[in-house]
Amino acid sequence: MSITKILTAVALVASVAGCMQTDGERALAGAAAGAIIADATDNNALTGAAIGGLAGATCDDLNIPGCRRGY
């Protein structure tokens, strides 16, 4: 897959990440993004989903810009 498609997918997911209200929503979005990016780069989609889900669930606790608490 071309680098343009990968960067586009990352940009789209990042733009939606700030709209997520709960850890569960962010975890699901992160898992989906991780699986898509891993598959696009010929890596294991399950591993990508696990890493993306973990990153999505903890991004507000780690004070990552663009990730906010829903309360």
PDB file of N, CA and C in Angstrom:
ATOM      1  N   MET A   1       0.849  -1.171   0.000  1.00  0.00           N
ATOM      2  CA  MET A   1       0.000   0.000   0.000  1.00  0.00           C
ATOM      3  C   MET A   1       0.894   1.233   0.000  1.00  0.00           C
ATOM      4  N   SER A   2       0.463   2.248  -0.662  1.00  0.00           N
ATOM      5  CA  SER A   2       1.304   3.437  -0.779  1.00  0.00           C
ATOM      6  C   SER A   2       1.314   4.240   0.509  1.00  0.00           C
ATOM      7  N   ILE A   3       2.373   4.982   0.687  1.00  0.00           N
ATOM      8  CA  ILE A   3       2.546   5.811   1.878  1.00  0.00           C
ATOM      9  C   ILE A   3       1.463   6.877   1.965  1.00  0.00           C
ATOM     10  N   THR A   4       0.960   7.326   0.832  1.00  0.00           N
ATOM     11  CA  THR A   4      -0.098   8.338   0.823  1.00  0.00           C
ATOM     12  C   THR A   4      -1.370   7.801   1.475  1.00  0.00           C
ATOM     13  N   LYS A   5      -1.729   6.573   1.178  1.00  0.00           N
ATOM     14  CA  LYS A   5      -2.922   5.978   1.772  1.00  0.00           C
ATOM     15  C   LYS A   5      -2.746   5.800   3.271  1.00  0.00           C
ATOM     16  N   ILE A   6      -1.569   5.409   3.684  1.00  0.00           N
ATOM     17  CA  ILE A   6      -1.299   5.218   5.107  1.00  0.00           C
ATOM     18  C   ILE A   6      -1.385   6.544   5.843  1.00  0.00           C
ATOM     19  N   LEU A   7      -0.758   7.575   5.305  1.00  0.00           N
ATOM     20  CA  LEU A   7      -0.796   8.885   5.957  1.00  0.00           C
ATOM     21  C   LEU A   7      -2.204   9.459   5.979  1.00  0.00           C
ATOM     22  N   THR A   8      -2.968   9.211   4.944  1.00  0.00           N
ATOM     23  CA  THR A   8      -4.356   9.670   4.918  1.00  0.00           C
ATOM     24  C   THR A   8      -5.171   8.980   6.005  1.00  0.00           C
ATOM     25  N   ALA A   9      -4.976   7.673   6.160  1.00  0.00           N
ATOM     26  CA  ALA A   9      -5.692   6.933   7.203  1.00  0.00           C
ATOM     27  C   ALA A   9      -5.319   7.439   8.589  1.00  0.00           C
ATOM     28  N   VAL A  10      -4.050   7.698   8.808  1.00  0.00           N
ATOM     29  CA  VAL A  10      -3.596   8.214  10.106  1.00  0.00           C
ATOM     30  C   VAL A  10      -4.211   9.584  10.370  1.00  0.00           C
ATOM     31  N   ALA A  11      -4.221  10.454   9.376  1.00  0.00           N
ATOM     32  CA  ALA A  11      -4.783  11.793   9.540  1.00  0.00           C
ATOM     33  C   ALA A  11      -6.277  11.739   9.844  1.00  0.00           C
ATOM     34  N   LEU A  12      -7.005  10.869   9.158  1.00  0.00           N
ATOM     35  CA  LEU A  12      -8.439  10.754   9.410  1.00  0.00           C
ATOM     36  C   LEU A  12      -8.732  10.243  10.810  1.00  0.00           C
ATOM     37  N   VAL A  13      -7.978   9.257  11.247  1.00  0.00           N
ATOM     38  CA  VAL A  13      -8.190   8.708  12.587  1.00  0.00           C
ATOM     39  C   VAL A  13      -7.817   9.743  13.644  1.00  0.00           C
ATOM     40  N   ALA A  14      -6.732  10.454  13.437  1.00  0.00           N
ATOM     41  CA  ALA A  14      -6.308  11.464  14.400  1.00  0.00           C
ATOM     42  C   ALA A  14      -7.328  12.594  14.510  1.00  0.00           C
ATOM     43  N   SER A  15      -7.952  12.945  13.407  1.00  0.00           N
ATOM     44  CA  SER A  15      -8.930  14.033  13.448  1.00  0.00           C
ATOM     45  C   SER A  15     -10.191  13.639  14.202  1.00  0.00           C
ATOM     46  N   VAL A  16     -10.503  12.368  14.257  1.00  0.00           N
ATOM     47  CA  VAL A  16     -11.693  11.894  14.961  1.00  0.00           C
ATOM     48  C   VAL A  16     -11.384  11.582  16.417  1.00  0.00           C
ATOM     49  N   ALA A  17     -10.133  11.358  16.753  1.00  0.00           N
ATOM     50  CA  ALA A  17      -9.765  10.927  18.108  1.00  0.00           C
ATOM     51  C   ALA A  17     -10.193  11.929  19.167  1.00  0.00           C
ATOM     52  N   GLY A  18     -10.120  13.205  18.878  1.00  0.00           N
ATOM     53  CA  GLY A  18     -10.517  14.212  19.849  1.00  0.00           C
ATOM     54  C   GLY A  18     -12.009  14.239  20.105  1.00  0.00           C
ATOM     55  N   CYS A  19     -12.803  13.673  19.229  1.00  0.00           N
ATOM     56  CA  CYS A  19     -14.260  13.666  19.376  1.00  0.00           C
ATOM     57  C   CYS A  19     -14.752  12.559  20.293  1.00  0.00           C
ATOM     58  N   MET A  20     -13.911  11.617  20.604  1.00  0.00           N
ATOM     59  CA  MET A  20     -14.308  10.498  21.444  1.00  0.00           C
ATOM     60  C   MET A  20     -14.475  10.970  22.878  1.00  0.00           C
ATOM     61  N   GLN A  21     -15.538  10.516  23.538  1.00  0.00           N
ATOM     62  CA  GLN A  21     -15.855  10.978  24.884  1.00  0.00           C
ATOM     63  C   GLN A  21     -15.326  10.065  25.989  1.00  0.00           C
ATOM     64  N   THR A  22     -15.332   8.767  25.753  1.00  0.00           N
ATOM     65  CA  THR A  22     -14.969   7.828  26.819  1.00  0.00           C
ATOM     66  C   THR A  22     -13.736   7.019  26.427  1.00  0.00           C
ATOM     67  N   ASP A  23     -13.156   6.375  27.426  1.00  0.00           N
ATOM     68  CA  ASP A  23     -12.011   5.504  27.167  1.00  0.00           C
ATOM     69  C   ASP A  23     -12.397   4.367  26.228  1.00  0.00           C
ATOM     70  N   GLY A  24     -13.605   3.847  26.369  1.00  0.00           N
ATOM     71  CA  GLY A  24     -14.058   2.753  25.514  1.00  0.00           C
ATOM     72  C   GLY A  24     -14.156   3.164  24.051  1.00  0.00           C
ATOM     73  N   GLU A  25     -14.690   4.354  23.812  1.00  0.00           N
ATOM     74  CA  GLU A  25     -14.784   4.850  22.431  1.00  0.00           C
ATOM     75  C   GLU A  25     -13.409   5.055  21.827  1.00  0.00           C
ATOM     76  N   ARG A  26     -12.509   5.643  22.625  1.00  0.00           N
ATOM     77  CA  ARG A  26     -11.138   5.864  22.140  1.00  0.00           C
ATOM     78  C   ARG A  26     -10.420   4.545  21.917  1.00  0.00           C
ATOM     79  N   ALA A  27     -10.674   3.559  22.763  1.00  0.00           N
ATOM     80  CA  ALA A  27     -10.047   2.245  22.603  1.00  0.00           C
ATOM     81  C   ALA A  27     -10.523   1.569  21.318  1.00  0.00           C
ATOM     82  N   LEU A  28     -11.823   1.650  21.037  1.00  0.00           N
ATOM     83  CA  LEU A  28     -12.344   1.044  19.806  1.00  0.00           C
ATOM     84  C   LEU A  28     -11.793   1.748  18.571  1.00  0.00           C
ATOM     85  N   ALA A  29     -11.734   3.066  18.605  1.00  0.00           N
ATOM     86  CA  ALA A  29     -11.181   3.809  17.468  1.00  0.00           C
ATOM     87  C   ALA A  29      -9.702   3.489  17.289  1.00  0.00           C
ATOM     88  N   GLY A  30      -8.974   3.401  18.396  1.00  0.00           N
ATOM     89  CA  GLY A  30      -7.554   3.068  18.332  1.00  0.00           C
ATOM     90  C   GLY A  30      -7.320   1.664  17.812  1.00  0.00           C
ATOM     91  N   ALA A  31      -8.162   0.730  18.243  1.00  0.00           N
ATOM     92  CA  ALA A  31      -8.028  -0.651  17.774  1.00  0.00           C
ATOM     93  C   ALA A  31      -8.298  -0.749  16.281  1.00  0.00           C
ATOM     94  N   ALA A  32      -9.338  -0.062  15.827  1.00  0.00           N
ATOM     95  CA  ALA A  32      -9.647  -0.078  14.393  1.00  0.00           C
ATOM     96  C   ALA A  32      -8.510   0.544  13.591  1.00  0.00           C
ATOM     97  N   ALA A  33      -8.025   1.681  14.056  1.00  0.00           N
ATOM     98  CA  ALA A  33      -6.926   2.350  13.351  1.00  0.00           C
ATOM     99  C   ALA A  33      -5.667   1.494  13.360  1.00  0.00           C
ATOM    100  N   GLY A  34      -5.365   0.903  14.502  1.00  0.00           N
ATOM    101  CA  GLY A  34      -4.183   0.053  14.593  1.00  0.00           C
ATOM    102  C   GLY A  34      -4.246  -1.142  13.663  1.00  0.00           C
ATOM    103  N   ALA A  35      -5.422  -1.761  13.575  1.00  0.00           N
ATOM    104  CA  ALA A  35      -5.582  -2.917  12.689  1.00  0.00           C
ATOM    105  C   ALA A  35      -5.441  -2.514  11.225  1.00  0.00           C
ATOM    106  N   ILE A  36      -6.038  -1.393  10.851  1.00  0.00           N
ATOM    107  CA  ILE A  36      -5.966  -0.925   9.465  1.00  0.00           C
ATOM    108  C   ILE A  36      -4.540  -0.561   9.080  1.00  0.00           C
ATOM    109  N   ILE A  37      -3.866   0.163   9.948  1.00  0.00           N
ATOM    110  CA  ILE A  37      -2.494   0.576   9.645  1.00  0.00           C
ATOM    111  C   ILE A  37      -1.564  -0.625   9.606  1.00  0.00           C
ATOM    112  N   ALA A  38      -1.727  -1.558  10.550  1.00  0.00           N
ATOM    113  CA  ALA A  38      -0.884  -2.757  10.555  1.00  0.00           C
ATOM    114  C   ALA A  38      -1.103  -3.585   9.292  1.00  0.00           C
ATOM    115  N   ASP A  39      -2.349  -3.734   8.886  1.00  0.00           N
ATOM    116  CA  ASP A  39      -2.647  -4.501   7.680  1.00  0.00           C
ATOM    117  C   ASP A  39      -2.078  -3.796   6.444  1.00  0.00           C
ATOM    118  N   ALA A  40      -2.179  -2.492   6.417  1.00  0.00           N
ATOM    119  CA  ALA A  40      -1.671  -1.724   5.271  1.00  0.00           C
ATOM    120  C   ALA A  40      -0.159  -1.795   5.153  1.00  0.00           C
ATOM    121  N   THR A  41       0.511  -1.998   6.273  1.00  0.00           N
ATOM    122  CA  THR A  41       1.970  -2.074   6.257  1.00  0.00           C
ATOM    123  C   THR A  41       2.474  -3.522   6.314  1.00  0.00           C
ATOM    124  N   ASP A  42       1.581  -4.462   6.013  1.00  0.00           N
ATOM    125  CA  ASP A  42       1.907  -5.894   5.993  1.00  0.00           C
ATOM    126  C   ASP A  42       2.415  -6.412   7.333  1.00  0.00           C
ATOM    127  N   ASN A  43       1.809  -5.925   8.422  1.00  0.00           N
ATOM    128  CA  ASN A  43       2.102  -6.422   9.761  1.00  0.00           C
ATOM    129  C   ASN A  43       0.869  -7.130  10.294  1.00  0.00           C
ATOM    130  N   ASN A  44       0.968  -7.697  11.480  1.00  0.00           N
ATOM    131  CA  ASN A  44      -0.122  -8.445  12.082  1.00  0.00           C
ATOM    132  C   ASN A  44      -1.230  -7.491  12.529  1.00  0.00           C
ATOM    133  N   ALA A  45      -2.434  -7.627  11.958  1.00  0.00           N
ATOM    134  CA  ALA A  45      -3.553  -6.737  12.271  1.00  0.00           C
ATOM    135  C   ALA A  45      -4.008  -6.891  13.721  1.00  0.00           C
ATOM    136  N   LEU A  46      -3.935  -8.100  14.274  1.00  0.00           N
ATOM    137  CA  LEU A  46      -4.347  -8.310  15.660  1.00  0.00           C
ATOM    138  C   LEU A  46      -3.418  -7.584  16.623  1.00  0.00           C
ATOM    139  N   THR A  47      -2.131  -7.639  16.356  1.00  0.00           N
ATOM    140  CA  THR A  47      -1.171  -6.911  17.188  1.00  0.00           C
ATOM    141  C   THR A  47      -1.397  -5.406  17.055  1.00  0.00           C
ATOM    142  N   GLY A  48      -1.624  -4.938  15.833  1.00  0.00           N
ATOM    143  CA  GLY A  48      -1.900  -3.523  15.617  1.00  0.00           C
ATOM    144  C   GLY A  48      -3.149  -3.070  16.349  1.00  0.00           C
ATOM    145  N   ALA A  49      -4.190  -3.916  16.350  1.00  0.00           N
ATOM    146  CA  ALA A  49      -5.418  -3.586  17.063  1.00  0.00           C
ATOM    147  C   ALA A  49      -5.194  -3.519  18.567  1.00  0.00           C
ATOM    148  N   ALA A  50      -4.397  -4.436  19.091  1.00  0.00           N
ATOM    149  CA  ALA A  50      -4.110  -4.436  20.527  1.00  0.00           C
ATOM    150  C   ALA A  50      -3.340  -3.185  20.935  1.00  0.00           C
ATOM    151  N   ILE A  51      -2.337  -2.836  20.169  1.00  0.00           N
ATOM    152  CA  ILE A  51      -1.531  -1.644  20.481  1.00  0.00           C
ATOM    153  C   ILE A  51      -2.376  -0.380  20.320  1.00  0.00           C
ATOM    154  N   GLY A  52      -3.157  -0.308  19.231  1.00  0.00           N
ATOM    155  CA  GLY A  52      -4.014   0.853  19.005  1.00  0.00           C
ATOM    156  C   GLY A  52      -5.082   1.002  20.072  1.00  0.00           C
ATOM    157  N   GLY A  53      -5.666  -0.107  20.491  1.00  0.00           N
ATOM    158  CA  GLY A  53      -6.671  -0.059  21.546  1.00  0.00           C
ATOM    159  C   GLY A  53      -6.090   0.410  22.866  1.00  0.00           C
ATOM    160  N   LEU A  54      -4.918  -0.065  23.199  1.00  0.00           N
ATOM    161  CA  LEU A  54      -4.254   0.368  24.422  1.00  0.00           C
ATOM    162  C   LEU A  54      -3.913   1.853  24.357  1.00  0.00           C
ATOM    163  N   ALA A  55      -3.409   2.282  23.226  1.00  0.00           N
ATOM    164  CA  ALA A  55      -3.071   3.703  23.060  1.00  0.00           C
ATOM    165  C   ALA A  55      -4.323   4.568  23.152  1.00  0.00           C
ATOM    166  N   GLY A  56      -5.412   4.130  22.532  1.00  0.00           N
ATOM    167  CA  GLY A  56      -6.646   4.903  22.579  1.00  0.00           C
ATOM    168  C   GLY A  56      -7.227   4.996  23.981  1.00  0.00           C
ATOM    169  N   ALA A  57      -7.166   3.906  24.713  1.00  0.00           N
ATOM    170  CA  ALA A  57      -7.737   3.889  26.056  1.00  0.00           C
ATOM    171  C   ALA A  57      -6.938   4.723  27.044  1.00  0.00           C
ATOM    172  N   THR A  58      -5.656   4.858  26.827  1.00  0.00           N
ATOM    173  CA  THR A  58      -4.809   5.564  27.794  1.00  0.00           C
ATOM    174  C   THR A  58      -4.355   6.947  27.342  1.00  0.00           C
ATOM    175  N   CYS A  59      -4.771   7.381  26.165  1.00  0.00           N
ATOM    176  CA  CYS A  59      -4.239   8.651  25.655  1.00  0.00           C
ATOM    177  C   CYS A  59      -4.601   9.836  26.537  1.00  0.00           C
ATOM    178  N   ASP A  60      -5.792   9.855  27.131  1.00  0.00           N
ATOM    179  CA  ASP A  60      -6.145  10.983  27.993  1.00  0.00           C
ATOM    180  C   ASP A  60      -5.371  10.940  29.307  1.00  0.00           C
ATOM    181  N   ASP A  61      -5.068   9.754  29.799  1.00  0.00           N
ATOM    182  CA  ASP A  61      -4.294   9.627  31.040  1.00  0.00           C
ATOM    183  C   ASP A  61      -2.847  10.069  30.844  1.00  0.00           C
ATOM    184  N   LEU A  62      -2.353   9.951  29.617  1.00  0.00           N
ATOM    185  CA  LEU A  62      -0.975  10.337  29.309  1.00  0.00           C
ATOM    186  C   LEU A  62      -0.867  11.781  28.809  1.00  0.00           C
ATOM    187  N   ASN A  63      -1.999  12.499  28.810  1.00  0.00           N
ATOM    188  CA  ASN A  63      -2.049  13.903  28.384  1.00  0.00           C
ATOM    189  C   ASN A  63      -1.528  14.116  26.966  1.00  0.00           C
ATOM    190  N   ILE A  64      -1.916  13.247  26.064  1.00  0.00           N
ATOM    191  CA  ILE A  64      -1.520  13.382  24.668  1.00  0.00           C
ATOM    192  C   ILE A  64      -2.377  14.474  24.036  1.00  0.00           C
ATOM    193  N   PRO A  65      -1.755  15.441  23.333  1.00  0.00           N
ATOM    194  CA  PRO A  65      -2.539  16.513  22.722  1.00  0.00           C
ATOM    195  C   PRO A  65      -3.619  15.968  21.789  1.00  0.00           C
ATOM    196  N   GLY A  66      -4.811  16.553  21.855  1.00  0.00           N
ATOM    197  CA  GLY A  66      -5.914  16.118  21.020  1.00  0.00           C
ATOM    198  C   GLY A  66      -6.791  15.062  21.659  1.00  0.00           C
ATOM    199  N   CYS A  67      -6.356  14.524  22.766  1.00  0.00           N
ATOM    200  CA  CYS A  67      -7.117  13.501  23.478  1.00  0.00           C
ATOM    201  C   CYS A  67      -7.591  14.120  24.782  1.00  0.00           C
ATOM    202  N   ARG A  68      -8.890  14.121  24.999  1.00  0.00           N
ATOM    203  CA  ARG A  68      -9.416  14.781  26.184  1.00  0.00           C
ATOM    204  C   ARG A  68     -10.355  13.875  26.957  1.00  0.00           C
ATOM    205  N   ARG A  69     -10.542  14.212  28.201  1.00  0.00           N
ATOM    206  CA  ARG A  69     -11.475  13.470  29.044  1.00  0.00           C
ATOM    207  C   ARG A  69     -12.901  13.871  28.690  1.00  0.00           C
ATOM    208  N   GLY A  70     -13.815  12.922  28.793  1.00  0.00           N
ATOM    209  CA  GLY A  70     -15.211  13.188  28.488  1.00  0.00           C
ATOM    210  C   GLY A  70     -15.992  13.773  29.646  1.00  0.00           C
ATOM    211  N   TYR A  71     -15.355  13.964  30.778  1.00  0.00           N
ATOM    212  CA  TYR A  71     -16.062  14.492  31.955  1.00  0.00           C
ATOM    213  C   TYR A  71     -15.409  15.714  32.482  1.00  0.00           C
TER     214      TYR A  71
END
